[in-house]
C-alpha atoms as a PDB file:
ATOM      1  CA  GLU A   1      -7.248  15.446  22.301  1.00  0.00           C
ATOM      2  CA  ASP A   2      -8.819  16.849  19.142  1.00  0.00           C
ATOM      3  CA  GLN A   3      -9.668  13.380  17.829  1.00  0.00           C
ATOM      4  CA  LYS A   4     -10.606  11.988  21.270  1.00  0.00           C
ATOM      5  CA  ILE A   5      -8.426   8.915  20.717  1.00  0.00           C
ATOM      6  CA  ASP A   6      -9.114   6.114  23.198  1.00  0.00           C
ATOM      7  CA  LEU A   7      -6.487   3.595  22.084  1.00  0.00           C
ATOM      8  CA  VAL A   8      -3.521   3.365  19.716  1.00  0.00           C
ATOM      9  CA  LEU A   9      -2.754   0.084  17.932  1.00  0.00           C
ATOM     10  CA  TYR A  10       0.938   0.404  17.043  1.00  0.00           C
ATOM     11  CA  ASN A  11       2.075  -1.652  14.052  1.00  0.00           C
ATOM     12  CA  GLY A  12       5.709  -0.511  13.807  1.00  0.00           C
ATOM     13  CA  TRP A  13       6.864  -2.897  16.515  1.00  0.00           C
ATOM     14  CA  THR A  14      10.539  -2.747  15.423  1.00  0.00           C
ATOM     15  CA  SER A  15      10.528   1.033  14.969  1.00  0.00           C
ATOM     16  CA  PRO A  16      13.189   2.970  16.932  1.00  0.00           C
ATOM     17  CA  LEU A  17      10.415   5.478  17.667  1.00  0.00           C
ATOM     18  CA  LEU A  18       8.174   2.963  19.447  1.00  0.00           C
ATOM     19  CA  LEU A  19       9.472   3.698  22.951  1.00  0.00           C
ATOM     20  CA  TRP A  20       9.201   7.469  22.551  1.00  0.00           C
ATOM     21  CA  ASP A  21       5.788   7.351  20.865  1.00  0.00           C
ATOM     22  CA  MET A  22       4.513   5.007  23.555  1.00  0.00           C
ATOM     23  CA  LEU A  23       5.849   7.119  26.428  1.00  0.00           C
ATOM     24  CA  TYR A  24       4.304  10.247  24.940  1.00  0.00           C
ATOM     25  CA  LEU A  25       0.921   8.594  24.370  1.00  0.00           C
ATOM     26  CA  LYS A  26       0.807   6.912  27.774  1.00  0.00           C
ATOM     27  CA  ASN A  27       1.756  10.222  29.392  1.00  0.00           C
ATOM     28  CA  ARG A  28      -1.366  11.655  27.731  1.00  0.00           C
ATOM     29  CA  GLY A  29      -3.433   8.831  29.202  1.00  0.00           C
ATOM     30  CA  ILE A  30      -3.790   6.930  25.905  1.00  0.00           C
ATOM     31  CA  PRO A  31      -3.135   3.159  26.107  1.00  0.00           C
ATOM     32  CA  VAL A  32      -0.951   1.528  23.456  1.00  0.00           C
ATOM     33  CA  VAL A  33      -1.315  -2.018  22.115  1.00  0.00           C
ATOM     34  CA  VAL A  34       1.610  -3.226  19.969  1.00  0.00           C
ATOM     35  CA  GLN A  35       0.986  -5.518  16.978  1.00  0.00           C
ATOM     36  CA  THR A  36       3.942  -7.846  16.270  1.00  0.00           C
ATOM     37  CA  HIS A  37       3.797  -9.333  12.791  1.00  0.00           C
ATOM     38  CA  THR A  38       6.843 -11.547  12.555  1.00  0.00           C
ATOM     39  CA  VAL A  39       8.627 -14.045  14.799  1.00  0.00           C
ATOM     40  CA  PHE A  40      10.009 -12.790  18.137  1.00  0.00           C
ATOM     41  CA  SER A  41      13.553 -13.912  17.228  1.00  0.00           C
ATOM     42  CA  TYR A  42      13.659 -11.571  14.210  1.00  0.00           C
ATOM     43  CA  ASP A  43      16.245  -9.384  15.968  1.00  0.00           C
ATOM     44  CA  LEU A  44      18.569 -12.338  16.488  1.00  0.00           C
ATOM     45  CA  PHE A  45      18.566 -12.992  12.756  1.00  0.00           C
ATOM     46  CA  GLN A  46      19.395  -9.331  12.143  1.00  0.00           C
ATOM     47  CA  PHE A  47      22.262  -9.487  14.680  1.00  0.00           C
ATOM     48  CA  GLY A  48      20.859  -6.339  16.257  1.00  0.00           C
ATOM     49  CA  LYS A  49      20.726  -5.169  19.853  1.00  0.00           C
ATOM     50  CA  GLY A  50      16.949  -5.039  19.565  1.00  0.00           C
ATOM     51  CA  PHE A  51      16.610  -8.598  20.913  1.00  0.00           C
ATOM     52  CA  GLY A  52      17.906  -7.352  24.252  1.00  0.00           C
ATOM     53  CA  GLU A  53      16.018  -4.052  24.217  1.00  0.00           C
ATOM     54  CA  ARG A  54      12.632  -4.940  22.748  1.00  0.00           C
ATOM     55  CA  PRO A  55      11.274  -7.134  25.590  1.00  0.00           C
ATOM     56  CA  GLY A  56      11.688  -4.218  28.010  1.00  0.00           C
ATOM     57  CA  ILE A  57      10.030  -1.800  25.587  1.00  0.00           C
ATOM     58  CA  LEU A  58       7.099  -4.089  24.783  1.00  0.00           C
ATOM     59  CA  GLY A  59       6.786  -4.834  28.471  1.00  0.00           C
ATOM     60  CA  LEU A  60       5.658  -1.205  28.901  1.00  0.00           C
ATOM     61  CA  ALA A  61       2.818  -1.590  26.394  1.00  0.00           C
ATOM     62  CA  ASP A  62      -0.770  -1.992  27.526  1.00  0.00           C
ATOM     63  CA  GLY A  63      -0.986  -5.135  25.436  1.00  0.00           C
ATOM     64  CA  ILE A  64       0.710  -7.114  22.672  1.00  0.00           C
ATOM     65  CA  VAL A  65      -0.912  -8.887  19.719  1.00  0.00           C
ATOM     66  CA  THR A  66       0.963 -11.825  18.161  1.00  0.00           C
ATOM     67  CA  LEU A  67       0.406 -14.220  15.261  1.00  0.00           C
ATOM     68  CA  SER A  68       1.469 -17.525  16.812  1.00  0.00           C
ATOM     69  CA  GLU A  69       1.244 -19.419  20.096  1.00  0.00           C
ATOM     70  CA  THR A  70       5.046 -19.505  20.312  1.00  0.00           C
ATOM     71  CA  ASP A  71       5.208 -15.718  20.149  1.00  0.00           C
ATOM     72  CA  ARG A  72       2.358 -15.388  22.631  1.00  0.00           C
ATOM     73  CA  LEU A  73       4.266 -17.510  25.143  1.00  0.00           C
ATOM     74  CA  PHE A  74       7.506 -15.558  24.606  1.00  0.00           C
ATOM     75  CA  TRP A  75       5.967 -12.104  25.034  1.00  0.00           C
ATOM     76  CA  SER A  76       3.892 -13.303  28.011  1.00  0.00           C
ATOM     77  CA  ALA A  77       7.149 -13.453  29.961  1.00  0.00           C
ATOM     78  CA  TYR A  78       7.363  -9.638  29.660  1.00  0.00           C
ATOM     79  CA  ASN A  79       3.748  -8.476  29.487  1.00  0.00           C
ATOM     80  CA  ARG A  80       0.602  -9.689  31.255  1.00  0.00           C
ATOM     81  CA  ARG A  81      -1.687  -8.873  28.319  1.00  0.00           C
ATOM     82  CA  VAL A  82      -0.745 -10.829  25.186  1.00  0.00           C
ATOM     83  CA  TRP A  83      -3.230 -12.064  22.612  1.00  0.00           C
ATOM     84  CA  ARG A  84      -2.775 -14.431  19.682  1.00  0.00           C
ATOM     85  CA  LEU A  85      -4.726 -13.419  16.572  1.00  0.00           C
ATOM     86  CA  PRO A  86      -3.623 -15.683  13.687  1.00  0.00           C
ATOM     87  CA  ASN A  87      -3.922 -14.443  10.125  1.00  0.00           C
ATOM     88  CA  PRO A  88      -7.369 -15.238   8.707  1.00  0.00           C
ATOM     89  CA  VAL A  89      -7.725 -17.932   6.059  1.00  0.00           C
ATOM     90  CA  ASP A  90     -10.549 -18.400   3.586  1.00  0.00           C
ATOM     91  CA  PRO A  91     -12.182 -21.667   4.731  1.00  0.00           C
ATOM     92  CA  GLN A  92     -13.186 -22.749   1.210  1.00  0.00           C
ATOM     93  CA  LEU A  93     -10.629 -25.421   0.359  1.00  0.00           C
ATOM     94  CA  ARG A  94      -9.931 -26.600  -3.151  1.00  0.00           C
ATOM     95  CA  GLN A  95     -11.572 -30.011  -3.427  1.00  0.00           C
ATOM     96  CA  VAL A  96     -10.115 -31.468  -6.621  1.00  0.00           C
ATOM     97  CA  PRO A  97      -6.519 -31.089  -7.858  1.00  0.00           C
ATOM     98  CA  LYS A  98      -6.016 -29.881 -11.419  1.00  0.00           C
ATOM     99  CA  THR A  99      -5.977 -32.860 -13.809  1.00  0.00           C
ATOM    100  CA  ASP A 100      -7.040 -31.279 -17.092  1.00  0.00           C
ATOM    101  CA  GLY A 101      -3.729 -31.947 -18.820  1.00  0.00           C
ATOM    102  CA  SER A 102      -2.767 -28.272 -19.159  1.00  0.00           C
ATOM    103  CA  ALA A 103       0.716 -26.958 -18.415  1.00  0.00           C
ATOM    104  CA  PRO A 104       1.635 -27.313 -14.724  1.00  0.00           C
ATOM    105  CA  ILE A 105       1.577 -23.967 -12.941  1.00  0.00           C
ATOM    106  CA  ILE A 106       4.033 -23.149 -10.154  1.00  0.00           C
ATOM    107  CA  THR A 107       3.315 -20.110  -7.996  1.00  0.00           C
ATOM    108  CA  TRP A 108       5.646 -17.904  -5.946  1.00  0.00           C
ATOM    109  CA  ILE A 109       4.017 -15.201  -3.808  1.00  0.00           C
ATOM    110  CA  GLY A 110       5.818 -12.448  -1.918  1.00  0.00           C
ATOM    111  CA  ARG A 111       7.803  -9.243  -1.966  1.00  0.00           C
ATOM    112  CA  PHE A 112      10.807  -9.115  -4.258  1.00  0.00           C
ATOM    113  CA  SER A 113      13.190  -8.636  -1.339  1.00  0.00           C
ATOM    114  CA  ASN A 114      16.411 -10.351  -0.299  1.00  0.00           C
ATOM    115  CA  GLU A 115      14.967 -12.424   2.551  1.00  0.00           C
ATOM    116  CA  LYS A 116      12.246 -13.838   0.254  1.00  0.00           C
ATOM    117  CA  GLN A 117      14.926 -15.058  -2.224  1.00  0.00           C
ATOM    118  CA  PRO A 118      12.891 -14.829  -5.455  1.00  0.00           C
ATOM    119  CA  GLY A 119      16.018 -15.778  -7.397  1.00  0.00           C
ATOM    120  CA  GLU A 120      15.828 -19.245  -5.856  1.00  0.00           C
ATOM    121  CA  ALA A 121      12.429 -19.757  -7.509  1.00  0.00           C
ATOM    122  CA  LEU A 122      14.056 -19.035 -10.873  1.00  0.00           C
ATOM    123  CA  ASN A 123      16.889 -21.474 -10.091  1.00  0.00           C
ATOM    124  CA  ILE A 124      14.305 -24.144  -9.263  1.00  0.00           C
ATOM    125  CA  LEU A 125      12.327 -23.441 -12.433  1.00  0.00           C
ATOM    126  CA  GLN A 126      15.474 -23.807 -14.529  1.00  0.00           C
ATOM    127  CA  LEU A 127      15.799 -27.364 -13.209  1.00  0.00           C
ATOM    128  CA  VAL A 128      12.092 -28.131 -13.507  1.00  0.00           C
ATOM    129  CA  VAL A 129      11.802 -27.232 -17.206  1.00  0.00           C
ATOM    130  CA  GLN A 130      14.524 -29.760 -18.028  1.00  0.00           C
ATOM    131  CA  SER A 131      12.116 -32.593 -17.171  1.00  0.00           C
ATOM    132  CA  CYS A 132       8.819 -30.699 -17.544  1.00  0.00           C
ATOM    133  CA  PRO A 133       9.290 -28.317 -20.497  1.00  0.00           C
ATOM    134  CA  ASP A 134       5.742 -26.909 -20.376  1.00  0.00           C
ATOM    135  CA  ALA A 135       5.922 -25.765 -16.718  1.00  0.00           C
ATOM    136  CA  VAL A 136       5.097 -22.120 -16.006  1.00  0.00           C
ATOM    137  CA  LEU A 137       6.064 -20.060 -12.957  1.00  0.00           C
ATOM    138  CA  TYR A 138       3.735 -17.286 -11.787  1.00  0.00           C
ATOM    139  CA  MET A 139       5.697 -14.779  -9.702  1.00  0.00           C
ATOM    140  CA  ILE A 140       3.138 -12.752  -7.765  1.00  0.00           C
ATOM    141  CA  GLY A 141       4.297  -9.664  -5.912  1.00  0.00           C
ATOM    142  CA  ASP A 142       6.245  -6.489  -6.305  1.00  0.00           C
ATOM    143  CA  GLY A 143       9.454  -4.943  -5.088  1.00  0.00           C
ATOM    144  CA  ALA A 144      10.121  -1.667  -3.339  1.00  0.00           C
ATOM    145  CA  ASP A 145      10.987  -0.196  -6.720  1.00  0.00           C
ATOM    146  CA  GLY A 146      10.926  -1.224 -10.371  1.00  0.00           C
ATOM    147  CA  SER A 147      14.633  -1.977 -10.523  1.00  0.00           C
ATOM    148  CA  SER A 148      14.384  -5.028  -8.258  1.00  0.00           C
ATOM    149  CA  LEU A 149      11.781  -6.610 -10.549  1.00  0.00           C
ATOM    150  CA  GLU A 150      13.915  -5.886 -13.611  1.00  0.00           C
ATOM    151  CA  ARG A 151      16.803  -7.673 -11.915  1.00  0.00           C
ATOM    152  CA  TYR A 152      14.806 -10.910 -11.758  1.00  0.00           C
ATOM    153  CA  GLN A 153      13.442 -10.491 -15.271  1.00  0.00           C
ATOM    154  CA  LYS A 154      17.055 -10.300 -16.488  1.00  0.00           C
ATOM    155  CA  MET A 155      17.906 -13.333 -14.345  1.00  0.00           C
ATOM    156  CA  ALA A 156      15.163 -15.299 -16.126  1.00  0.00           C
ATOM    157  CA  GLU A 157      16.575 -14.227 -19.506  1.00  0.00           C
ATOM    158  CA  ASP A 158      20.110 -15.227 -18.468  1.00  0.00           C
ATOM    159  CA  ARG A 159      18.796 -18.697 -17.606  1.00  0.00           C
ATOM    160  CA  ASN A 160      16.809 -18.854 -20.871  1.00  0.00           C
ATOM    161  CA  ILE A 161      13.546 -19.465 -19.005  1.00  0.00           C
ATOM    162  CA  GLN A 162      11.854 -16.110 -19.708  1.00  0.00           C
ATOM    163  CA  ASP A 163       9.112 -17.859 -21.713  1.00  0.00           C
ATOM    164  CA  HIS A 164       8.269 -19.956 -18.639  1.00  0.00           C
ATOM    165  CA  VAL A 165       7.889 -17.050 -16.169  1.00  0.00           C
ATOM    166  CA  ARG A 166       4.989 -14.627 -15.717  1.00  0.00           C
ATOM    167  CA  PHE A 167       5.735 -11.604 -13.529  1.00  0.00           C
ATOM    168  CA  LEU A 168       2.223 -10.702 -12.383  1.00  0.00           C
ATOM    169  CA  GLY A 169       2.975  -7.881  -9.940  1.00  0.00           C
ATOM    170  CA  TYR A 170       1.006  -7.184  -6.780  1.00  0.00           C
ATOM    171  CA  GLN A 171      -2.353  -8.959  -6.603  1.00  0.00           C
ATOM    172  CA  SER A 172      -5.033  -8.325  -3.982  1.00  0.00           C
ATOM    173  CA  ASP A 173      -6.524 -11.798  -4.562  1.00  0.00           C
ATOM    174  CA  VAL A 174      -4.061 -14.675  -4.983  1.00  0.00           C
ATOM    175  CA  SER A 175      -6.724 -17.387  -4.772  1.00  0.00           C
ATOM    176  CA  GLN A 176      -7.376 -17.111  -8.514  1.00  0.00           C
ATOM    177  CA  PHE A 177      -3.805 -18.318  -9.114  1.00  0.00           C
ATOM    178  CA  LEU A 178      -3.612 -20.871  -6.312  1.00  0.00           C
ATOM    179  CA  ARG A 179      -6.754 -22.591  -7.595  1.00  0.00           C
ATOM    180  CA  ASP A 180      -4.814 -23.604 -10.724  1.00  0.00           C
ATOM    181  CA  ALA A 181      -1.406 -24.197  -9.120  1.00  0.00           C
ATOM    182  CA  ALA A 182       0.278 -27.579  -8.991  1.00  0.00           C
ATOM    183  CA  VAL A 183       2.716 -26.400  -6.311  1.00  0.00           C
ATOM    184  CA  ASN A 184       3.563 -23.178  -4.456  1.00  0.00           C
ATOM    185  CA  LEU A 185       7.201 -22.293  -3.809  1.00  0.00           C
ATOM    186  CA  ILE A 186       8.291 -20.570  -0.597  1.00  0.00           C
ATOM    187  CA  THR A 187      11.984 -19.690  -0.790  1.00  0.00           C
ATOM    188  CA  SER A 188      12.270 -17.308   2.186  1.00  0.00           C
ATOM    189  CA  THR A 189      15.336 -17.339   4.386  1.00  0.00           C
ATOM    190  CA  TYR A 190      12.958 -16.957   7.339  1.00  0.00           C
ATOM    191  CA  GLU A 191       9.279 -16.275   7.997  1.00  0.00           C
ATOM    192  CA  GLY A 192       7.459 -15.126  11.103  1.00  0.00           C
ATOM    193  CA  TYR A 193       4.038 -16.440  10.128  1.00  0.00           C
ATOM    194  CA  SER A 194       3.980 -17.347   6.464  1.00  0.00           C
ATOM    195  CA  LEU A 195       0.657 -16.222   5.027  1.00  0.00           C
ATOM    196  CA  ALA A 196       1.736 -17.725   1.692  1.00  0.00           C
ATOM    197  CA  LEU A 197       2.059 -21.130   3.401  1.00  0.00           C
ATOM    198  CA  VAL A 198      -1.349 -20.866   5.065  1.00  0.00           C
ATOM    199  CA  GLU A 199      -2.994 -19.749   1.826  1.00  0.00           C
ATOM    200  CA  SER A 200      -1.425 -22.698   0.008  1.00  0.00           C
ATOM    201  CA  MET A 201      -2.763 -25.097   2.631  1.00  0.00           C
ATOM    202  CA  ALA A 202      -6.214 -23.508   2.404  1.00  0.00           C
ATOM    203  CA  HIS A 203      -6.275 -24.195  -1.338  1.00  0.00           C
ATOM    204  CA  GLY A 204      -4.858 -27.714  -1.027  1.00  0.00           C
ATOM    205  CA  VAL A 205      -1.671 -26.762  -2.881  1.00  0.00           C
ATOM    206  CA  PRO A 206       1.576 -28.518  -1.866  1.00  0.00           C
END
């Protein structure tokens, strides 16, 4: 009432508080639109009861925003107002692949979390350097805490590939790295709408 809020866009679509927040807000006459930012079957992968509960909860929302047509169709079975707003992509595509003879650059972009499997990128690099000894892997992203990053730095040392890996941390602009990349690795167990994949395509990187 103090802020004269007309609408709430709720991003925590898997939050256990969603139902209670939404009921409170709607009781105050404030509509709630829920933003889903992964695939609808996420709860099945987690083996949680949310897959059975969430359609009923999101069905109470005043609208749902999804990232893909598949998700739009799924949520449309439970809510009359569902919109697909795909992640934006810079339309400037890379025109010419890198052929300057410099060391091939491999990129990996994402959070250092279990489902992204950053260790798999290091396993792949270990094989790559056997036939391409000048290859370099740029690992772009950060973990929830410093210890997770240190774990993968030690993994690189254990595989004797530490000189071939650059841990670049979080970057607000990944295009500067994709412009020079020969290939981008995506090692995730699952993705809802892989922004890393779309960004790779936008830069013409396999």
